[in-house]
Amino acid sequence: MTGIPYRGGGPMLTAAISNEIPFMFINQDVALPHVRSGKLRAIAVSSLQRNPLFPDVPTVAESGYPGFQALSWSGLSIQKGTPQPIVDKLEAAIKEMMTSPAIVQRMASQGFVIPPLGQKPYVDFVAKEIVQWDRVIKTAGIKAQ
């Protein structure tokens, strides 16, 4: 497999739909309308569990690569040294927003899973991601270009 750098998901999606490239990894919310229309075929999801939007699509792990997981995620970080009362206020506001029924429903409708919220789960998750992708980079011999 050869990686092809694109300047965003839009150009990559166009390349896949026009048969310029044979496959791609892309977020489920972007792929969904094209899978539903028949322009794309979902062959696997990269989470450890099947995605509710694609219940008949196996995971990469189910497809023969045990333990494979590659998640698209977002997080909110703040400058080191920010006073704790400000950090606490932001964290409380974000938790309130992300657990509101409207946000939970909207995220679920797009195939997104809201993980455990808060500074500790986020820091732990990022640390695990760094270890995982550092190992992938070293094992594959990937070099910056």
Protein backbone atom coordinates (compact mmCIF):
# COMPACT_ATOMS: atom_id res chain seq x y z
CA MET A 1 0.00 0.00 0.00
CA THR A 2 1.33 3.41 -0.91
CA GLY A 3 0.12 6.51 0.91
CA ILE A 4 -0.93 9.41 -1.27
CA PRO A 5 -1.00 12.80 0.44
CA TYR A 6 -4.13 14.81 -0.33
CA ARG A 7 -4.90 18.34 0.74
CA GLY A 8 -7.94 17.22 2.71
CA GLY A 9 -10.74 14.71 2.61
CA GLY A 10 -12.60 16.46 -0.22
CA PRO A 11 -9.96 15.89 -2.91
CA MET A 12 -9.37 12.36 -1.62
CA LEU A 13 -13.09 11.59 -1.75
CA THR A 14 -13.28 12.92 -5.30
CA ALA A 15 -10.33 10.70 -6.27
CA ALA A 16 -12.01 7.62 -4.81
CA ILE A 17 -15.39 8.29 -6.42
CA SER A 18 -13.72 8.87 -9.80
CA ASN A 19 -11.68 5.64 -9.48
CA GLU A 20 -8.37 7.50 -9.34
CA ILE A 21 -7.51 5.58 -6.17
CA PRO A 22 -8.70 2.07 -5.24
CA PHE A 23 -9.54 2.77 -1.57
CA MET A 24 -9.15 5.22 1.27
CA PHE A 25 -9.65 5.69 4.99
CA ILE A 26 -12.18 8.45 5.62
CA ASN A 27 -14.55 9.45 8.40
CA GLN A 28 -17.87 7.65 8.48
CA ASP A 29 -19.94 10.83 8.38
CA VAL A 30 -18.29 11.89 5.12
CA ALA A 31 -18.56 8.42 3.56
CA LEU A 32 -22.15 7.68 4.58
CA PRO A 33 -24.06 9.54 1.84
CA HIS A 34 -21.76 8.12 -0.83
CA VAL A 35 -22.09 4.58 0.53
CA ARG A 36 -25.87 4.96 0.65
CA SER A 37 -25.94 6.25 -2.94
CA GLY A 38 -23.77 3.36 -4.16
CA LYS A 39 -20.85 5.56 -5.23
CA LEU A 40 -18.63 3.99 -2.56
CA ARG A 41 -18.60 0.59 -0.88
CA ALA A 42 -17.61 0.38 2.76
CA ILE A 43 -15.33 -2.63 3.27
CA ALA A 44 -14.31 -2.16 6.92
CA VAL A 45 -14.50 0.21 9.85
CA SER A 46 -11.34 0.98 11.78
CA SER A 47 -12.82 0.99 15.29
CA LEU A 48 -12.76 -2.10 17.47
CA GLN A 49 -16.56 -2.27 17.37
CA ARG A 50 -18.85 -2.13 14.36
CA ASN A 51 -20.28 1.28 13.61
CA PRO A 52 -24.07 1.54 14.07
CA LEU A 53 -24.30 3.47 10.78
CA PHE A 54 -22.68 0.51 8.99
CA PRO A 55 -23.96 -2.52 10.94
CA ASP A 56 -23.15 -5.00 8.15
CA VAL A 57 -19.60 -3.73 7.63
CA PRO A 58 -16.96 -5.67 9.58
CA THR A 59 -14.17 -4.10 11.56
CA VAL A 60 -10.60 -4.31 10.28
CA ALA A 61 -9.94 -6.62 13.24
CA GLU A 62 -12.79 -8.92 12.14
CA SER A 63 -11.32 -8.86 8.64
CA GLY A 64 -8.11 -10.56 9.75
CA TYR A 65 -6.06 -7.93 11.55
CA PRO A 66 -6.71 -8.52 15.27
CA GLY A 67 -6.37 -5.50 17.50
CA PHE A 68 -6.35 -3.02 14.62
CA GLN A 69 -7.81 0.31 15.60
CA ALA A 70 -7.37 3.71 14.03
CA LEU A 71 -9.71 6.36 15.34
CA SER A 72 -10.49 9.82 14.14
CA TRP A 73 -10.86 11.98 17.20
CA SER A 74 -11.00 15.54 18.40
CA GLY A 75 -10.11 17.03 21.72
CA LEU A 76 -9.83 20.40 23.35
CA SER A 77 -6.52 21.39 24.84
CA ILE A 78 -5.60 24.49 26.78
CA GLN A 79 -2.29 26.27 27.33
CA LYS A 80 -0.18 24.80 30.13
CA GLY A 81 -0.29 27.02 33.18
CA THR A 82 -3.89 28.14 32.70
CA PRO A 83 -5.32 28.80 36.18
CA GLN A 84 -7.19 25.76 37.54
CA PRO A 85 -10.48 27.64 38.11
CA ILE A 86 -10.58 28.48 34.39
CA VAL A 87 -9.74 24.88 33.46
CA ASP A 88 -12.49 23.61 35.77
CA LYS A 89 -15.06 26.06 34.39
CA LEU A 90 -14.26 25.11 30.78
CA GLU A 91 -14.32 21.40 31.58
CA ALA A 92 -17.71 21.69 33.29
CA ALA A 93 -19.18 23.67 30.38
CA ILE A 94 -17.87 21.20 27.81
CA LYS A 95 -19.19 18.21 29.78
CA GLU A 96 -22.59 19.86 30.03
CA MET A 97 -22.69 20.60 26.31
CA MET A 98 -21.41 17.18 25.20
CA THR A 99 -23.94 15.31 27.36
CA SER A 100 -26.93 17.38 26.26
CA PRO A 101 -29.55 15.23 24.50
CA ALA A 102 -29.36 17.33 21.32
CA ILE A 103 -25.58 16.93 20.98
CA VAL A 104 -25.64 13.23 21.90
CA GLN A 105 -28.37 12.59 19.29
CA ARG A 106 -26.61 14.65 16.61
CA MET A 107 -23.27 12.93 17.19
CA ALA A 108 -24.86 9.47 17.17
CA SER A 109 -26.72 10.24 13.94
CA GLN A 110 -23.35 10.94 12.32
CA GLY A 111 -21.77 7.77 13.71
CA PHE A 112 -19.67 9.47 16.36
CA VAL A 113 -19.15 8.06 19.82
CA ILE A 114 -18.67 10.45 22.71
CA PRO A 115 -15.92 8.99 24.92
CA PRO A 116 -15.57 9.46 28.66
CA LEU A 117 -15.26 13.19 29.21
CA GLY A 118 -12.80 15.14 31.28
CA GLN A 119 -9.15 15.98 31.57
CA LYS A 120 -7.94 12.60 32.89
CA PRO A 121 -9.64 10.39 30.24
CA TYR A 122 -8.45 12.77 27.52
CA VAL A 123 -4.83 12.86 28.73
CA ASP A 124 -4.83 9.05 29.10
CA PHE A 125 -6.27 8.61 25.61
CA VAL A 126 -3.72 10.93 23.99
CA ALA A 127 -0.87 9.14 25.78
CA LYS A 128 -2.09 5.78 24.43
CA GLU A 129 -2.41 7.22 20.91
CA ILE A 130 1.18 8.51 21.06
CA VAL A 131 2.47 5.09 22.12
CA GLN A 132 0.42 3.29 19.44
CA TRP A 133 1.40 5.53 16.54
CA ASP A 134 5.03 5.78 17.65
CA ARG A 135 5.17 1.96 17.50
CA VAL A 136 3.48 1.93 14.06
CA ILE A 137 5.92 4.53 12.71
CA LYS A 138 8.97 2.68 14.05
CA THR A 139 7.75 -0.77 12.94
CA ALA A 140 6.95 0.46 9.44
CA GLY A 141 10.13 2.50 9.18
CA ILE A 142 8.17 5.63 8.27
CA LYS A 143 10.34 8.70 7.78
CA ALA A 144 9.32 12.35 7.55
CA GLN A 145 9.47 13.68 4.01
